[in-house]
Amino acid sequence: MARAWVFGDDLDTDQMVPGRYAPFMVGQDKFHLYTFCDARPGFAKEVQPGDVLVGGENFGCGSSREYAVAALKKLGVGGIVAKNFARIFFRNCINLGIPVLESEDAVALARDGDQVTLDLAAGVLRTPHGEARLRPLAAFAQEILAAGGVVAYLREHGDFPRVP
């Protein structure tokens, strides 16, 4: 089972990885160690592969720092569930292979540290306080995630999936 990490509204990418810890500042091998260093000290050391971030509205807003998503990927975050996402952050997650799903009630049902299950096939986030329904992803996004990200998809298929 995964652990829930709960955040509020308007979580921006500078809170995820502050600019002073960008890969070009500290190195590709270290930038992920500063994930949430100011907003959630200890996160990078405590997060476990498969853990799920749960948030409110406008998750991933602010600058469109792809390295914020890359840091979450390097740490093994298993998915992100929020009321809604900033568009570029959402697409960066899909491109790097991190499931991002919208749910109106997940943030009300999950508590920090809860053991949760992100069941993509059933479209639910199971928490000790109930199940949160997840809005299904578009078929092309599911294909990219199934391949492990956009680069893996392109290696496998040679072109982008068709958007209806």
Protein backbone atom coordinates (compact mmCIF):
# COMPACT_ATOMS: atom_id res chain seq x y z
CA MET A 1 0.00 0.00 0.00
CA ALA A 2 1.01 3.59 -0.62
CA ARG A 3 1.14 6.50 1.77
CA ALA A 4 -0.87 9.68 1.11
CA TRP A 5 0.80 13.07 1.13
CA VAL A 6 -1.93 15.70 1.31
CA PHE A 7 -1.54 19.26 0.04
CA GLY A 8 -3.92 22.20 -0.29
CA ASP A 9 -4.89 24.47 -3.16
CA ASP A 10 -2.52 26.30 -5.50
CA LEU A 11 0.54 24.15 -4.89
CA ASP A 12 3.07 25.64 -7.28
CA THR A 13 6.13 24.09 -8.87
CA ASP A 14 8.46 26.40 -6.94
CA GLN A 15 7.20 24.77 -3.74
CA MET A 16 7.95 21.37 -5.27
CA VAL A 17 11.54 22.20 -6.23
CA PRO A 18 12.66 25.76 -5.52
CA GLY A 19 14.57 27.39 -8.37
CA ARG A 20 17.77 27.53 -6.37
CA TYR A 21 17.83 23.71 -6.55
CA ALA A 22 17.21 23.38 -10.28
CA PRO A 23 19.22 20.58 -11.92
CA PHE A 24 21.53 23.10 -13.61
CA MET A 25 22.29 24.58 -10.15
CA VAL A 26 22.89 21.44 -8.07
CA GLY A 27 23.22 18.67 -10.66
CA GLN A 28 21.02 16.02 -12.26
CA ASP A 29 21.95 13.58 -9.53
CA LYS A 30 20.84 15.78 -6.61
CA PHE A 31 17.97 18.12 -7.52
CA HIS A 32 15.27 15.64 -6.48
CA LEU A 33 16.70 15.57 -2.94
CA TYR A 34 15.31 19.11 -2.48
CA THR A 35 11.71 18.25 -3.35
CA PHE A 36 9.38 20.18 -1.03
CA CYS A 37 12.44 21.21 1.05
CA ASP A 38 10.73 24.42 2.20
CA ALA A 39 7.05 23.40 2.05
CA ARG A 40 7.43 19.86 3.53
CA PRO A 41 10.90 19.41 5.01
CA GLY A 42 11.90 15.76 5.05
CA PHE A 43 9.65 14.80 2.13
CA ALA A 44 12.48 13.65 -0.15
CA LYS A 45 13.87 11.35 2.56
CA GLU A 46 10.51 9.97 3.70
CA VAL A 47 8.57 9.48 0.46
CA GLN A 48 8.47 5.88 -0.71
CA PRO A 49 8.06 4.54 -4.25
CA GLY A 50 4.36 4.34 -5.07
CA ASP A 51 3.26 7.02 -2.60
CA VAL A 52 0.40 9.23 -3.77
CA LEU A 53 0.14 13.01 -3.62
CA VAL A 54 -3.36 14.34 -2.99
CA GLY A 55 -4.23 17.97 -3.48
CA GLY A 56 -6.87 20.58 -3.95
CA GLU A 57 -7.41 22.99 -6.81
CA ASN A 58 -4.81 24.25 -9.28
CA PHE A 59 -2.19 21.63 -8.38
CA GLY A 60 1.12 22.36 -10.13
CA CYS A 61 0.49 26.02 -10.89
CA GLY A 62 3.18 28.64 -11.29
CA SER A 63 6.13 28.32 -13.60
CA SER A 64 6.09 25.32 -15.88
CA ARG A 65 9.19 23.69 -14.41
CA GLU A 66 9.46 20.24 -15.90
CA TYR A 67 12.15 19.42 -13.36
CA ALA A 68 9.55 19.63 -10.57
CA VAL A 69 7.77 16.69 -12.18
CA ALA A 70 11.11 14.99 -12.93
CA ALA A 71 11.98 15.18 -9.22
CA LEU A 72 8.68 13.47 -8.31
CA LYS A 73 9.43 10.80 -10.91
CA LYS A 74 12.96 10.23 -9.56
CA LEU A 75 11.50 9.82 -6.06
CA GLY A 76 9.05 7.21 -7.35
CA VAL A 77 5.77 9.03 -6.71
CA GLY A 78 3.09 6.60 -7.88
CA GLY A 79 0.45 9.15 -8.81
CA ILE A 80 -1.17 12.48 -8.07
CA VAL A 81 -4.86 13.01 -7.38
CA ALA A 82 -6.24 16.55 -7.11
CA LYS A 83 -9.41 18.53 -7.74
CA ASN A 84 -7.74 19.94 -10.86
CA PHE A 85 -4.32 20.66 -12.29
CA ALA A 86 -2.45 23.43 -14.02
CA ARG A 87 -2.41 22.41 -17.69
CA ILE A 88 1.34 22.33 -18.30
CA PHE A 89 2.00 20.47 -15.03
CA PHE A 90 -0.65 17.92 -15.98
CA ARG A 91 0.92 17.30 -19.37
CA ASN A 92 4.46 17.17 -17.94
CA CYS A 93 3.28 14.42 -15.58
CA ILE A 94 1.74 12.42 -18.42
CA ASN A 95 4.87 12.93 -20.54
CA LEU A 96 7.11 11.63 -17.75
CA GLY A 97 4.79 8.74 -16.87
CA ILE A 98 3.20 9.89 -13.61
CA PRO A 99 -0.57 9.23 -13.41
CA VAL A 100 -2.48 12.45 -12.69
CA LEU A 101 -6.18 12.14 -11.98
CA GLU A 102 -8.90 14.55 -10.99
CA SER A 103 -11.25 13.90 -8.09
CA GLU A 104 -13.62 16.27 -6.34
CA ASP A 105 -13.56 14.41 -3.03
CA ALA A 106 -10.09 12.84 -2.66
CA VAL A 107 -8.64 15.75 -0.70
CA ALA A 108 -11.54 15.53 1.77
CA LEU A 109 -11.14 11.76 2.21
CA ALA A 110 -7.36 11.42 2.45
CA ARG A 111 -5.29 12.42 5.46
CA ASP A 112 -1.53 12.80 5.61
CA GLY A 113 0.06 9.42 6.19
CA ASP A 114 -3.05 7.36 5.38
CA GLN A 115 -2.46 4.05 3.65
CA VAL A 116 -4.15 4.43 0.27
CA THR A 117 -4.56 2.48 -2.95
CA LEU A 118 -4.64 4.21 -6.30
CA ASP A 119 -6.64 1.83 -8.48
CA LEU A 120 -6.43 3.17 -12.01
CA ALA A 121 -8.40 0.29 -13.53
CA ALA A 122 -11.35 0.80 -11.17
CA GLY A 123 -11.02 4.60 -11.24
CA VAL A 124 -10.83 5.07 -7.48
CA LEU A 125 -8.51 6.19 -4.73
CA ARG A 126 -9.20 3.99 -1.71
CA THR A 127 -8.60 5.66 1.66
CA PRO A 128 -9.45 4.58 5.23
CA HIS A 129 -12.25 7.18 5.08
CA GLY A 130 -13.90 6.06 1.84
CA GLU A 131 -13.35 5.81 -1.90
CA ALA A 132 -12.81 8.84 -4.08
CA ARG A 133 -13.98 8.50 -7.69
CA LEU A 134 -11.43 9.52 -10.30
CA ARG A 135 -12.19 11.23 -13.58
CA PRO A 136 -11.00 8.91 -16.38
CA LEU A 137 -8.04 10.01 -18.45
CA ALA A 138 -8.34 10.40 -22.21
CA ALA A 139 -7.36 7.29 -24.15
CA PHE A 140 -4.21 8.89 -25.59
CA ALA A 141 -3.01 9.85 -22.09
CA GLN A 142 -3.64 6.30 -20.88
CA GLU A 143 -1.56 4.96 -23.78
CA ILE A 144 1.34 7.26 -22.93
CA LEU A 145 1.18 6.31 -19.23
CA ALA A 146 0.98 2.60 -20.07
CA ALA A 147 4.18 2.95 -22.09
CA GLY A 148 5.93 4.72 -19.20
CA GLY A 149 5.90 8.23 -20.63
CA VAL A 150 6.01 9.97 -23.98
CA VAL A 151 9.61 9.04 -24.84
CA ALA A 152 8.92 5.36 -24.17
CA TYR A 153 5.70 5.63 -26.17
CA LEU A 154 7.53 7.10 -29.16
CA ARG A 155 10.20 4.41 -28.98
CA GLU A 156 7.49 1.78 -28.94
CA HIS A 157 5.12 3.25 -31.54
CA GLY A 158 7.14 5.72 -33.57
CA ASP A 159 4.46 8.43 -33.48
CA PHE A 160 1.99 10.13 -31.17
CA PRO A 161 -1.39 8.61 -30.41
CA ARG A 162 -4.25 10.22 -32.25
CA VAL A 163 -6.24 12.76 -30.27
CA PRO A 164 -9.96 12.44 -31.03
